[in-house]
Amino acid sequence: MPAEWERHHATWIGWPHNKSDWPGRFGPIPWVYTEIVRKLAPAEIVRILVNSSAHEGAARRALTSAGMSLDRVEFFRFTTNRGWTRDFGPLFVRRSGSSGELAIARFRFNAWAKYPDWKKDDRIPERVAARLELPLFPARAGRRERGDESGERDRRDRDRPQRGAAAVGVPHGGYLNARGRRC
């Protein structure tokens, strides 16, 4: 995985909506996300997953009420169960060589085997690939598809520290991680 501080084109977030993710504390969360977007948008594109036009409207109102221009904000109306895009969002990889073709590595997501509602989140990588017209490759270890929950990521990185942050098993090979290493 590319580290948060590595150069990238855009940051993906899910606008908060599932109040059970912040039990008894949801009130200030949209403001916190507004501040995150306000800090990111001057330097890069921010792509926000929203569940509906009403959800998008609420996000737009929060952002503009903070004095933000939405020039570098893009909304994607893809319903989600939760907003934790670090664990289910698209992971972009680039082919090595002169073509530099961009694709999405598709990891499986099951809400950490903790929540029964995860199927909308699991579909996000394929929906983004379709919208952006990018190839989608299942991340595999042998014949088995890989999950992308933080526990599996941490274990993978600990077991293979020499591979760096993006040790993904993308079929057809020839893709580079964020550090320019073949993966």
N, C-alpha and C. Protein backbone atom coordinates (compact mmCIF):
# COMPACT_ATOMS: atom_id res chain seq x y z
N MET A 1 0.83 -1.17 0.00
CA MET A 1 0.00 0.00 0.00
C MET A 1 0.88 1.24 0.00
N PRO A 2 0.52 2.20 -0.77
CA PRO A 2 1.26 3.47 -0.66
C PRO A 2 0.98 4.10 0.70
N ALA A 3 1.99 4.68 1.27
CA ALA A 3 1.80 5.39 2.54
C ALA A 3 1.00 6.66 2.29
N GLU A 4 0.36 7.16 3.33
CA GLU A 4 -0.48 8.35 3.19
C GLU A 4 0.29 9.56 2.67
N TRP A 5 1.57 9.63 3.00
CA TRP A 5 2.36 10.80 2.63
C TRP A 5 2.99 10.69 1.25
N GLU A 6 2.87 9.53 0.60
CA GLU A 6 3.45 9.40 -0.74
C GLU A 6 2.61 10.15 -1.76
N ARG A 7 3.27 10.61 -2.82
CA ARG A 7 2.59 11.37 -3.87
C ARG A 7 1.47 10.53 -4.49
N HIS A 8 0.33 11.15 -4.67
CA HIS A 8 -0.80 10.47 -5.29
C HIS A 8 -1.72 11.51 -5.92
N HIS A 9 -2.62 11.02 -6.75
CA HIS A 9 -3.49 11.91 -7.53
C HIS A 9 -4.69 12.43 -6.73
N ALA A 10 -5.27 11.56 -5.91
CA ALA A 10 -6.49 11.93 -5.19
C ALA A 10 -6.61 11.13 -3.90
N THR A 11 -7.38 11.66 -2.99
CA THR A 11 -7.73 10.94 -1.77
C THR A 11 -9.21 10.60 -1.84
N TRP A 12 -9.55 9.36 -1.50
CA TRP A 12 -10.93 8.88 -1.48
C TRP A 12 -11.41 8.80 -0.05
N ILE A 13 -12.59 9.35 0.20
CA ILE A 13 -13.21 9.21 1.52
C ILE A 13 -14.69 8.86 1.33
N GLY A 14 -15.26 8.28 2.34
CA GLY A 14 -16.71 8.05 2.36
C GLY A 14 -17.32 9.05 3.32
N TRP A 15 -18.27 9.86 2.81
CA TRP A 15 -18.90 10.85 3.69
C TRP A 15 -19.64 10.10 4.78
N PRO A 16 -19.48 10.49 6.05
CA PRO A 16 -20.05 9.74 7.16
C PRO A 16 -21.58 9.68 7.12
N HIS A 17 -22.11 8.51 7.46
CA HIS A 17 -23.57 8.34 7.48
C HIS A 17 -24.01 7.29 8.47
N ASN A 18 -23.16 6.35 8.81
CA ASN A 18 -23.55 5.25 9.68
C ASN A 18 -23.29 5.65 11.13
N LYS A 19 -24.33 6.08 11.80
CA LYS A 19 -24.20 6.60 13.16
C LYS A 19 -23.68 5.55 14.14
N SER A 20 -23.87 4.27 13.83
CA SER A 20 -23.38 3.23 14.74
C SER A 20 -21.85 3.15 14.73
N ASP A 21 -21.19 3.75 13.74
CA ASP A 21 -19.73 3.77 13.73
C ASP A 21 -19.17 4.75 14.76
N TRP A 22 -19.99 5.68 15.21
CA TRP A 22 -19.60 6.67 16.23
C TRP A 22 -20.72 6.72 17.28
N PRO A 23 -20.92 5.66 18.05
CA PRO A 23 -22.06 5.62 18.97
C PRO A 23 -22.07 6.80 19.93
N GLY A 24 -23.16 7.57 19.85
CA GLY A 24 -23.33 8.71 20.73
C GLY A 24 -22.42 9.89 20.43
N ARG A 25 -21.64 9.81 19.33
CA ARG A 25 -20.67 10.87 19.03
C ARG A 25 -20.75 11.35 17.59
N PHE A 26 -21.81 11.02 16.88
CA PHE A 26 -21.87 11.34 15.45
C PHE A 26 -21.96 12.84 15.16
N GLY A 27 -22.56 13.61 16.05
CA GLY A 27 -22.81 15.04 15.81
C GLY A 27 -21.66 15.80 15.16
N PRO A 28 -20.45 15.78 15.71
CA PRO A 28 -19.37 16.57 15.11
C PRO A 28 -18.65 15.89 13.94
N ILE A 29 -18.97 14.65 13.65
CA ILE A 29 -18.20 13.90 12.64
C ILE A 29 -18.27 14.55 11.25
N PRO A 30 -19.43 14.98 10.75
CA PRO A 30 -19.41 15.66 9.45
C PRO A 30 -18.51 16.90 9.44
N TRP A 31 -18.45 17.62 10.55
CA TRP A 31 -17.56 18.77 10.64
C TRP A 31 -16.09 18.31 10.55
N VAL A 32 -15.75 17.20 11.22
CA VAL A 32 -14.39 16.67 11.15
C VAL A 32 -14.04 16.32 9.71
N TYR A 33 -14.94 15.67 9.00
CA TYR A 33 -14.69 15.33 7.60
C TYR A 33 -14.59 16.58 6.74
N THR A 34 -15.37 17.60 7.06
CA THR A 34 -15.27 18.87 6.35
C THR A 34 -13.86 19.44 6.50
N GLU A 35 -13.33 19.39 7.70
CA GLU A 35 -11.98 19.89 7.94
C GLU A 35 -10.93 19.07 7.20
N ILE A 36 -11.12 17.75 7.14
CA ILE A 36 -10.19 16.90 6.39
C ILE A 36 -10.19 17.32 4.92
N VAL A 37 -11.36 17.46 4.34
CA VAL A 37 -11.45 17.84 2.92
C VAL A 37 -10.90 19.25 2.72
N ARG A 38 -11.18 20.15 3.63
CA ARG A 38 -10.69 21.53 3.52
C ARG A 38 -9.17 21.58 3.50
N LYS A 39 -8.52 20.71 4.25
CA LYS A 39 -7.06 20.67 4.29
C LYS A 39 -6.48 19.97 3.06
N LEU A 40 -7.15 18.95 2.55
CA LEU A 40 -6.63 18.19 1.41
C LEU A 40 -6.84 18.88 0.07
N ALA A 41 -8.00 19.48 -0.13
CA ALA A 41 -8.40 19.97 -1.45
C ALA A 41 -7.46 21.00 -2.08
N PRO A 42 -6.79 21.85 -1.34
CA PRO A 42 -5.87 22.77 -2.02
C PRO A 42 -4.71 22.05 -2.73
N ALA A 43 -4.35 20.86 -2.27
CA ALA A 43 -3.19 20.15 -2.81
C ALA A 43 -3.54 19.00 -3.74
N GLU A 44 -4.74 18.48 -3.67
CA GLU A 44 -5.10 17.31 -4.47
C GLU A 44 -6.61 17.20 -4.60
N ILE A 45 -7.02 16.35 -5.51
CA ILE A 45 -8.45 16.07 -5.69
C ILE A 45 -8.93 15.21 -4.51
N VAL A 46 -10.13 15.49 -4.04
CA VAL A 46 -10.75 14.67 -3.01
C VAL A 46 -12.00 14.05 -3.63
N ARG A 47 -12.05 12.73 -3.64
CA ARG A 47 -13.19 11.99 -4.19
C ARG A 47 -14.00 11.44 -3.03
N ILE A 48 -15.27 11.81 -3.00
CA ILE A 48 -16.12 11.50 -1.85
C ILE A 48 -17.24 10.55 -2.27
N LEU A 49 -17.33 9.42 -1.58
CA LEU A 49 -18.43 8.48 -1.79
C LEU A 49 -19.63 8.96 -0.98
N VAL A 50 -20.77 9.07 -1.63
CA VAL A 50 -22.02 9.45 -0.96
C VAL A 50 -23.10 8.45 -1.35
N ASN A 51 -24.10 8.31 -0.49
CA ASN A 51 -25.14 7.30 -0.71
C ASN A 51 -26.26 7.74 -1.62
N SER A 52 -26.49 9.04 -1.75
CA SER A 52 -27.65 9.52 -2.51
C SER A 52 -27.47 10.99 -2.83
N SER A 53 -28.41 11.53 -3.58
CA SER A 53 -28.35 12.97 -3.88
C SER A 53 -28.53 13.78 -2.59
N ALA A 54 -29.39 13.31 -1.68
CA ALA A 54 -29.58 14.03 -0.41
C ALA A 54 -28.30 14.00 0.42
N HIS A 55 -27.63 12.86 0.44
CA HIS A 55 -26.37 12.71 1.17
C HIS A 55 -25.30 13.62 0.55
N GLU A 56 -25.25 13.66 -0.77
CA GLU A 56 -24.32 14.56 -1.46
C GLU A 56 -24.63 16.02 -1.12
N GLY A 57 -25.92 16.37 -1.11
CA GLY A 57 -26.32 17.73 -0.77
C GLY A 57 -25.87 18.13 0.63
N ALA A 58 -25.99 17.21 1.58
CA ALA A 58 -25.54 17.50 2.95
C ALA A 58 -24.03 17.72 2.98
N ALA A 59 -23.29 16.90 2.24
CA ALA A 59 -21.84 17.06 2.18
C ALA A 59 -21.47 18.39 1.53
N ARG A 60 -22.13 18.72 0.42
CA ARG A 60 -21.85 19.98 -0.27
C ARG A 60 -22.13 21.18 0.66
N ARG A 61 -23.24 21.12 1.38
CA ARG A 61 -23.59 22.22 2.29
C ARG A 61 -22.54 22.37 3.39
N ALA A 62 -22.10 21.24 3.95
CA ALA A 62 -21.08 21.30 5.00
C ALA A 62 -19.79 21.91 4.47
N LEU A 63 -19.39 21.50 3.27
CA LEU A 63 -18.13 22.00 2.69
C LEU A 63 -18.22 23.47 2.31
N THR A 64 -19.30 23.86 1.68
CA THR A 64 -19.42 25.28 1.27
C THR A 64 -19.64 26.19 2.48
N SER A 65 -20.30 25.68 3.53
CA SER A 65 -20.48 26.51 4.72
C SER A 65 -19.14 26.76 5.42
N ALA A 66 -18.14 25.93 5.13
CA ALA A 66 -16.79 26.14 5.67
C ALA A 66 -15.97 27.04 4.75
N GLY A 67 -16.64 27.59 3.72
CA GLY A 67 -15.96 28.51 2.80
C GLY A 67 -15.15 27.83 1.72
N MET A 68 -15.42 26.55 1.49
CA MET A 68 -14.64 25.79 0.50
C MET A 68 -15.17 25.96 -0.91
N SER A 69 -14.26 26.01 -1.85
CA SER A 69 -14.61 25.85 -3.25
C SER A 69 -14.65 24.35 -3.52
N LEU A 70 -15.57 23.91 -4.34
CA LEU A 70 -15.68 22.48 -4.64
C LEU A 70 -14.98 22.12 -5.95
N ASP A 71 -14.10 23.00 -6.43
CA ASP A 71 -13.40 22.76 -7.69
C ASP A 71 -12.59 21.47 -7.69
N ARG A 72 -12.03 21.09 -6.55
CA ARG A 72 -11.17 19.91 -6.47
C ARG A 72 -11.85 18.77 -5.70
N VAL A 73 -13.17 18.81 -5.63
CA VAL A 73 -13.95 17.77 -4.95
C VAL A 73 -14.84 17.09 -5.98
N GLU A 74 -14.80 15.78 -6.00
CA GLU A 74 -15.65 14.99 -6.90
C GLU A 74 -16.49 14.04 -6.06
N PHE A 75 -17.78 13.95 -6.39
CA PHE A 75 -18.70 13.08 -5.66
C PHE A 75 -19.01 11.85 -6.50
N PHE A 76 -19.05 10.71 -5.85
CA PHE A 76 -19.43 9.45 -6.47
C PHE A 76 -20.59 8.89 -5.68
N ARG A 77 -21.74 8.77 -6.33
CA ARG A 77 -22.94 8.24 -5.64
C ARG A 77 -22.92 6.72 -5.69
N PHE A 78 -22.17 6.16 -4.77
CA PHE A 78 -22.09 4.71 -4.59
C PHE A 78 -22.45 4.43 -3.14
N THR A 79 -23.52 3.72 -2.92
CA THR A 79 -23.93 3.45 -1.53
C THR A 79 -22.90 2.57 -0.83
N THR A 80 -22.69 2.89 0.43
CA THR A 80 -21.76 2.14 1.27
C THR A 80 -22.46 1.77 2.57
N ASN A 81 -21.88 0.79 3.25
CA ASN A 81 -22.35 0.44 4.58
C ASN A 81 -21.68 1.31 5.64
N ARG A 82 -20.42 1.60 5.43
CA ARG A 82 -19.62 2.40 6.36
C ARG A 82 -18.76 3.36 5.54
N GLY A 83 -17.99 4.18 6.20
CA GLY A 83 -17.17 5.15 5.49
C GLY A 83 -15.68 4.87 5.51
N TRP A 84 -15.27 3.67 5.89
CA TRP A 84 -13.84 3.38 6.09
C TRP A 84 -13.18 2.97 4.78
N THR A 85 -12.97 3.91 3.89
CA THR A 85 -12.44 3.60 2.56
C THR A 85 -11.03 3.03 2.60
N ARG A 86 -10.29 3.25 3.66
CA ARG A 86 -8.95 2.66 3.76
C ARG A 86 -9.04 1.14 3.61
N ASP A 87 -10.10 0.55 4.09
CA ASP A 87 -10.22 -0.90 4.09
C ASP A 87 -10.96 -1.48 2.89
N PHE A 88 -11.84 -0.71 2.26
CA PHE A 88 -12.59 -1.29 1.13
C PHE A 88 -12.45 -0.51 -0.16
N GLY A 89 -11.85 0.65 -0.11
CA GLY A 89 -11.78 1.49 -1.30
C GLY A 89 -10.86 0.94 -2.38
N PRO A 90 -10.85 1.60 -3.53
CA PRO A 90 -10.03 1.12 -4.64
C PRO A 90 -8.54 1.32 -4.35
N LEU A 91 -7.73 0.34 -4.74
CA LEU A 91 -6.28 0.44 -4.64
C LEU A 91 -5.73 0.51 -6.06
N PHE A 92 -5.16 1.65 -6.41
CA PHE A 92 -4.68 1.88 -7.76
C PHE A 92 -3.25 1.38 -7.91
N VAL A 93 -2.99 0.69 -9.01
CA VAL A 93 -1.65 0.22 -9.34
C VAL A 93 -1.34 0.66 -10.77
N ARG A 94 -0.04 0.75 -11.09
CA ARG A 94 0.37 1.21 -12.41
C ARG A 94 1.32 0.18 -13.03
N ARG A 95 1.10 -0.12 -14.32
CA ARG A 95 1.95 -1.07 -15.03
C ARG A 95 3.33 -0.46 -15.22
N SER A 96 4.34 -1.31 -15.07
CA SER A 96 5.71 -0.85 -15.30
C SER A 96 5.93 -0.69 -16.81
N GLY A 97 6.97 0.01 -17.16
CA GLY A 97 7.28 0.20 -18.57
C GLY A 97 6.71 1.49 -19.11
N SER A 98 6.76 1.62 -20.40
CA SER A 98 6.41 2.89 -21.02
C SER A 98 4.91 3.19 -21.02
N SER A 99 4.06 2.15 -21.00
CA SER A 99 2.62 2.42 -21.07
C SER A 99 2.09 3.07 -19.80
N GLY A 100 2.61 2.66 -18.64
CA GLY A 100 2.16 3.23 -17.38
C GLY A 100 0.67 3.05 -17.13
N GLU A 101 0.07 2.00 -17.72
CA GLU A 101 -1.38 1.77 -17.60
C GLU A 101 -1.80 1.69 -16.14
N LEU A 102 -2.88 2.37 -15.83
CA LEU A 102 -3.43 2.39 -14.48
C LEU A 102 -4.53 1.34 -14.37
N ALA A 103 -4.59 0.67 -13.22
CA ALA A 103 -5.61 -0.34 -12.97
C ALA A 103 -5.97 -0.29 -11.49
N ILE A 104 -6.98 -1.05 -11.13
CA ILE A 104 -7.38 -1.18 -9.72
C ILE A 104 -7.19 -2.63 -9.30
N ALA A 105 -6.47 -2.82 -8.19
CA ALA A 105 -6.34 -4.14 -7.58
C ALA A 105 -7.57 -4.33 -6.69
N ARG A 106 -8.27 -5.41 -6.90
CA ARG A 106 -9.54 -5.65 -6.21
C ARG A 106 -9.35 -6.62 -5.05
N PHE A 107 -9.31 -6.09 -3.84
CA PHE A 107 -9.25 -6.91 -2.65
C PHE A 107 -10.67 -7.20 -2.17
N ARG A 108 -10.86 -8.34 -1.54
CA ARG A 108 -12.17 -8.67 -0.96
C ARG A 108 -12.30 -7.98 0.40
N PHE A 109 -13.52 -7.64 0.78
CA PHE A 109 -13.77 -6.99 2.06
C PHE A 109 -14.95 -7.68 2.73
N ASN A 110 -14.82 -7.96 4.03
CA ASN A 110 -15.92 -8.58 4.77
C ASN A 110 -16.22 -7.89 6.09
N ALA A 111 -15.92 -6.61 6.20
CA ALA A 111 -16.18 -5.80 7.40
C ALA A 111 -15.51 -6.40 8.63
N TRP A 112 -14.29 -6.86 8.42
CA TRP A 112 -13.48 -7.39 9.51
C TRP A 112 -14.14 -8.59 10.19
N ALA A 113 -15.06 -9.25 9.49
CA ALA A 113 -15.83 -10.37 10.04
C ALA A 113 -16.52 -9.97 11.34
N LYS A 114 -16.82 -8.68 11.46
CA LYS A 114 -17.40 -8.14 12.70
C LYS A 114 -18.83 -7.66 12.50
N TYR A 115 -19.15 -7.15 11.30
CA TYR A 115 -20.45 -6.57 11.03
C TYR A 115 -21.17 -7.37 9.94
N PRO A 116 -22.49 -7.52 10.06
CA PRO A 116 -23.21 -8.27 9.03
C PRO A 116 -23.45 -7.46 7.75
N ASP A 117 -23.33 -6.14 7.82
CA ASP A 117 -23.60 -5.31 6.63
C ASP A 117 -22.28 -4.83 6.03
N TRP A 118 -21.88 -5.49 4.92
CA TRP A 118 -20.61 -5.14 4.29
C TRP A 118 -20.65 -5.26 2.77
N LYS A 119 -21.70 -5.80 2.22
CA LYS A 119 -21.71 -6.11 0.78
C LYS A 119 -21.65 -4.87 -0.11
N LYS A 120 -22.22 -3.75 0.33
CA LYS A 120 -22.12 -2.52 -0.48
C LYS A 120 -20.67 -2.04 -0.51
N ASP A 121 -20.00 -2.11 0.64
CA ASP A 121 -18.60 -1.70 0.70
C ASP A 121 -17.74 -2.58 -0.21
N ASP A 122 -18.00 -3.88 -0.21
CA ASP A 122 -17.20 -4.82 -0.99
C ASP A 122 -17.30 -4.55 -2.50
N ARG A 123 -18.37 -3.92 -2.94
CA ARG A 123 -18.56 -3.64 -4.38
C ARG A 123 -17.87 -2.37 -4.85
N ILE A 124 -17.37 -1.55 -3.95
CA ILE A 124 -16.83 -0.24 -4.33
C ILE A 124 -15.69 -0.34 -5.35
N PRO A 125 -14.69 -1.19 -5.19
CA PRO A 125 -13.61 -1.21 -6.19
C PRO A 125 -14.11 -1.47 -7.61
N GLU A 126 -15.03 -2.41 -7.78
CA GLU A 126 -15.52 -2.69 -9.14
C GLU A 126 -16.38 -1.54 -9.67
N ARG A 127 -17.13 -0.88 -8.80
CA ARG A 127 -17.93 0.26 -9.25
C ARG A 127 -17.04 1.43 -9.66
N VAL A 128 -15.97 1.68 -8.90
CA VAL A 128 -15.03 2.75 -9.26
C VAL A 128 -14.32 2.41 -10.57
N ALA A 129 -13.88 1.16 -10.71
CA ALA A 129 -13.21 0.74 -11.96
C ALA A 129 -14.13 0.97 -13.16
N ALA A 130 -15.39 0.61 -13.02
CA ALA A 130 -16.34 0.80 -14.12
C ALA A 130 -16.53 2.29 -14.42
N ARG A 131 -16.70 3.12 -13.39
CA ARG A 131 -16.92 4.55 -13.59
C ARG A 131 -15.71 5.22 -14.22
N LEU A 132 -14.50 4.84 -13.78
CA LEU A 132 -13.28 5.46 -14.31
C LEU A 132 -12.74 4.73 -15.54
N GLU A 133 -13.45 3.67 -15.96
CA GLU A 133 -13.07 2.87 -17.12
C GLU A 133 -11.63 2.36 -17.00
N LEU A 134 -11.36 1.72 -15.86
CA LEU A 134 -10.05 1.15 -15.58
C LEU A 134 -10.16 -0.37 -15.46
N PRO A 135 -9.10 -1.09 -15.83
CA PRO A 135 -9.11 -2.54 -15.60
C PRO A 135 -9.15 -2.84 -14.11
N LEU A 136 -9.73 -3.96 -13.77
CA LEU A 136 -9.85 -4.41 -12.38
C LEU A 136 -9.25 -5.80 -12.29
N PHE A 137 -8.27 -5.98 -11.41
CA PHE A 137 -7.63 -7.27 -11.24
C PHE A 137 -7.82 -7.76 -9.82
N PRO A 138 -8.32 -8.98 -9.65
CA PRO A 138 -8.44 -9.50 -8.29
C PRO A 138 -7.06 -9.71 -7.68
N ALA A 139 -6.86 -9.26 -6.46
CA ALA A 139 -5.61 -9.50 -5.74
C ALA A 139 -5.65 -10.93 -5.23
N ARG A 140 -4.65 -11.70 -5.57
CA ARG A 140 -4.65 -13.13 -5.23
C ARG A 140 -3.35 -13.54 -4.56
N ALA A 141 -3.47 -14.57 -3.75
CA ALA A 141 -2.32 -15.30 -3.23
C ALA A 141 -2.54 -16.71 -3.72
N GLY A 142 -1.86 -17.09 -4.79
CA GLY A 142 -2.14 -18.36 -5.45
C GLY A 142 -3.50 -18.26 -6.11
N ARG A 143 -4.39 -19.17 -5.78
CA ARG A 143 -5.75 -19.14 -6.35
C ARG A 143 -6.75 -18.43 -5.45
N ARG A 144 -6.31 -18.06 -4.29
CA ARG A 144 -7.21 -17.47 -3.30
C ARG A 144 -7.19 -15.94 -3.39
N GLU A 145 -8.38 -15.34 -3.44
CA GLU A 145 -8.45 -13.88 -3.42
C GLU A 145 -8.05 -13.37 -2.05
N ARG A 146 -7.37 -12.23 -2.05
CA ARG A 146 -6.88 -11.63 -0.82
C ARG A 146 -7.89 -10.63 -0.29
N GLY A 147 -7.96 -10.57 1.03
CA GLY A 147 -8.75 -9.54 1.68
C GLY A 147 -7.90 -8.31 1.89
N ASP A 148 -8.53 -7.22 2.22
CA ASP A 148 -7.80 -5.98 2.42
C ASP A 148 -8.12 -5.37 3.77
N GLU A 149 -8.54 -6.19 4.73
CA GLU A 149 -8.78 -5.64 6.04
C GLU A 149 -7.45 -5.26 6.65
N SER A 150 -7.46 -4.30 7.54
CA SER A 150 -6.21 -3.78 8.08
C SER A 150 -5.39 -4.88 8.75
N GLY A 151 -6.01 -5.84 9.40
CA GLY A 151 -5.26 -6.92 10.03
C GLY A 151 -4.48 -7.74 9.03
N GLU A 152 -5.08 -8.04 7.88
CA GLU A 152 -4.36 -8.80 6.86
C GLU A 152 -3.24 -7.98 6.27
N ARG A 153 -3.49 -6.69 6.05
CA ARG A 153 -2.44 -5.81 5.54
C ARG A 153 -1.25 -5.78 6.49
N ASP A 154 -1.52 -5.57 7.77
CA ASP A 154 -0.45 -5.47 8.75
C ASP A 154 0.35 -6.77 8.80
N ARG A 155 -0.32 -7.91 8.77
CA ARG A 155 0.34 -9.20 8.80
C ARG A 155 1.21 -9.38 7.55
N ARG A 156 0.67 -9.01 6.40
CA ARG A 156 1.41 -9.15 5.15
C ARG A 156 2.66 -8.28 5.18
N ASP A 157 2.52 -7.05 5.63
CA ASP A 157 3.67 -6.14 5.67
C ASP A 157 4.72 -6.63 6.67
N ARG A 158 4.28 -7.18 7.81
CA ARG A 158 5.21 -7.68 8.80
C ARG A 158 5.95 -8.90 8.28
N ASP A 159 5.23 -9.78 7.55
CA ASP A 159 5.85 -11.00 7.05
C ASP A 159 6.80 -10.76 5.89
N ARG A 160 6.61 -9.69 5.13
CA ARG A 160 7.46 -9.41 3.97
C ARG A 160 7.92 -7.96 3.97
N PRO A 161 8.66 -7.53 4.99
CA PRO A 161 9.02 -6.12 5.04
C PRO A 161 9.90 -5.68 3.88
N GLN A 162 10.64 -6.60 3.27
CA GLN A 162 11.51 -6.22 2.16
C GLN A 162 10.72 -5.82 0.93
N ARG A 163 9.45 -6.16 0.84
CA ARG A 163 8.64 -5.82 -0.32
C ARG A 163 8.08 -4.41 -0.22
N GLY A 164 8.20 -3.77 0.90
CA GLY A 164 7.68 -2.42 1.03
C GLY A 164 6.19 -2.41 1.27
N ALA A 165 5.57 -1.30 0.95
CA ALA A 165 4.20 -1.07 1.36
C ALA A 165 3.15 -1.68 0.46
N ALA A 166 3.47 -2.10 -0.74
CA ALA A 166 2.41 -2.54 -1.66
C ALA A 166 2.65 -3.95 -2.18
N ALA A 167 2.74 -4.90 -1.28
CA ALA A 167 2.96 -6.28 -1.69
C ALA A 167 1.63 -6.90 -2.09
N VAL A 168 1.19 -6.66 -3.31
CA VAL A 168 -0.08 -7.20 -3.77
C VAL A 168 0.17 -8.23 -4.85
N GLY A 169 -0.64 -9.26 -4.88
CA GLY A 169 -0.50 -10.30 -5.88
C GLY A 169 -1.43 -10.06 -7.05
N VAL A 170 -1.11 -9.14 -7.91
CA VAL A 170 -1.95 -8.82 -9.05
C VAL A 170 -1.57 -9.72 -10.20
N PRO A 171 -2.53 -10.47 -10.77
CA PRO A 171 -2.20 -11.33 -11.89
C PRO A 171 -1.74 -10.52 -13.10
N HIS A 172 -1.08 -11.15 -14.01
CA HIS A 172 -0.55 -10.56 -15.23
C HIS A 172 0.73 -9.77 -14.96
N GLY A 173 1.13 -9.62 -13.68
CA GLY A 173 2.40 -9.01 -13.32
C GLY A 173 2.65 -7.66 -13.96
N GLY A 174 3.85 -7.16 -13.77
CA GLY A 174 4.26 -5.95 -14.44
C GLY A 174 3.72 -4.67 -13.86
N TYR A 175 3.10 -4.70 -12.69
CA TYR A 175 2.63 -3.46 -12.08
C TYR A 175 3.62 -3.02 -11.02
N LEU A 176 3.68 -1.72 -10.82
CA LEU A 176 4.59 -1.14 -9.84
C LEU A 176 3.81 -0.61 -8.65
N ASN A 177 4.42 -0.71 -7.49
CA ASN A 177 3.81 -0.09 -6.33
C ASN A 177 4.20 1.38 -6.31
N ALA A 178 3.79 2.10 -5.26
CA ALA A 178 4.03 3.54 -5.20
C ALA A 178 5.51 3.89 -5.15
N ARG A 179 6.34 2.93 -4.77
CA ARG A 179 7.78 3.19 -4.69
C ARG A 179 8.51 2.78 -5.96
N GLY A 180 7.76 2.40 -6.98
CA GLY A 180 8.35 2.04 -8.26
C GLY A 180 8.89 0.63 -8.32
N ARG A 181 8.56 -0.19 -7.35
CA ARG A 181 9.02 -1.58 -7.35
C ARG A 181 7.99 -2.45 -8.04
N ARG A 182 8.47 -3.46 -8.75
CA ARG A 182 7.58 -4.40 -9.42
C ARG A 182 6.81 -5.19 -8.36
N CYS A 183 5.52 -5.36 -8.63
CA CYS A 183 4.72 -6.18 -7.71
C CYS A 183 3.81 -7.08 -8.51
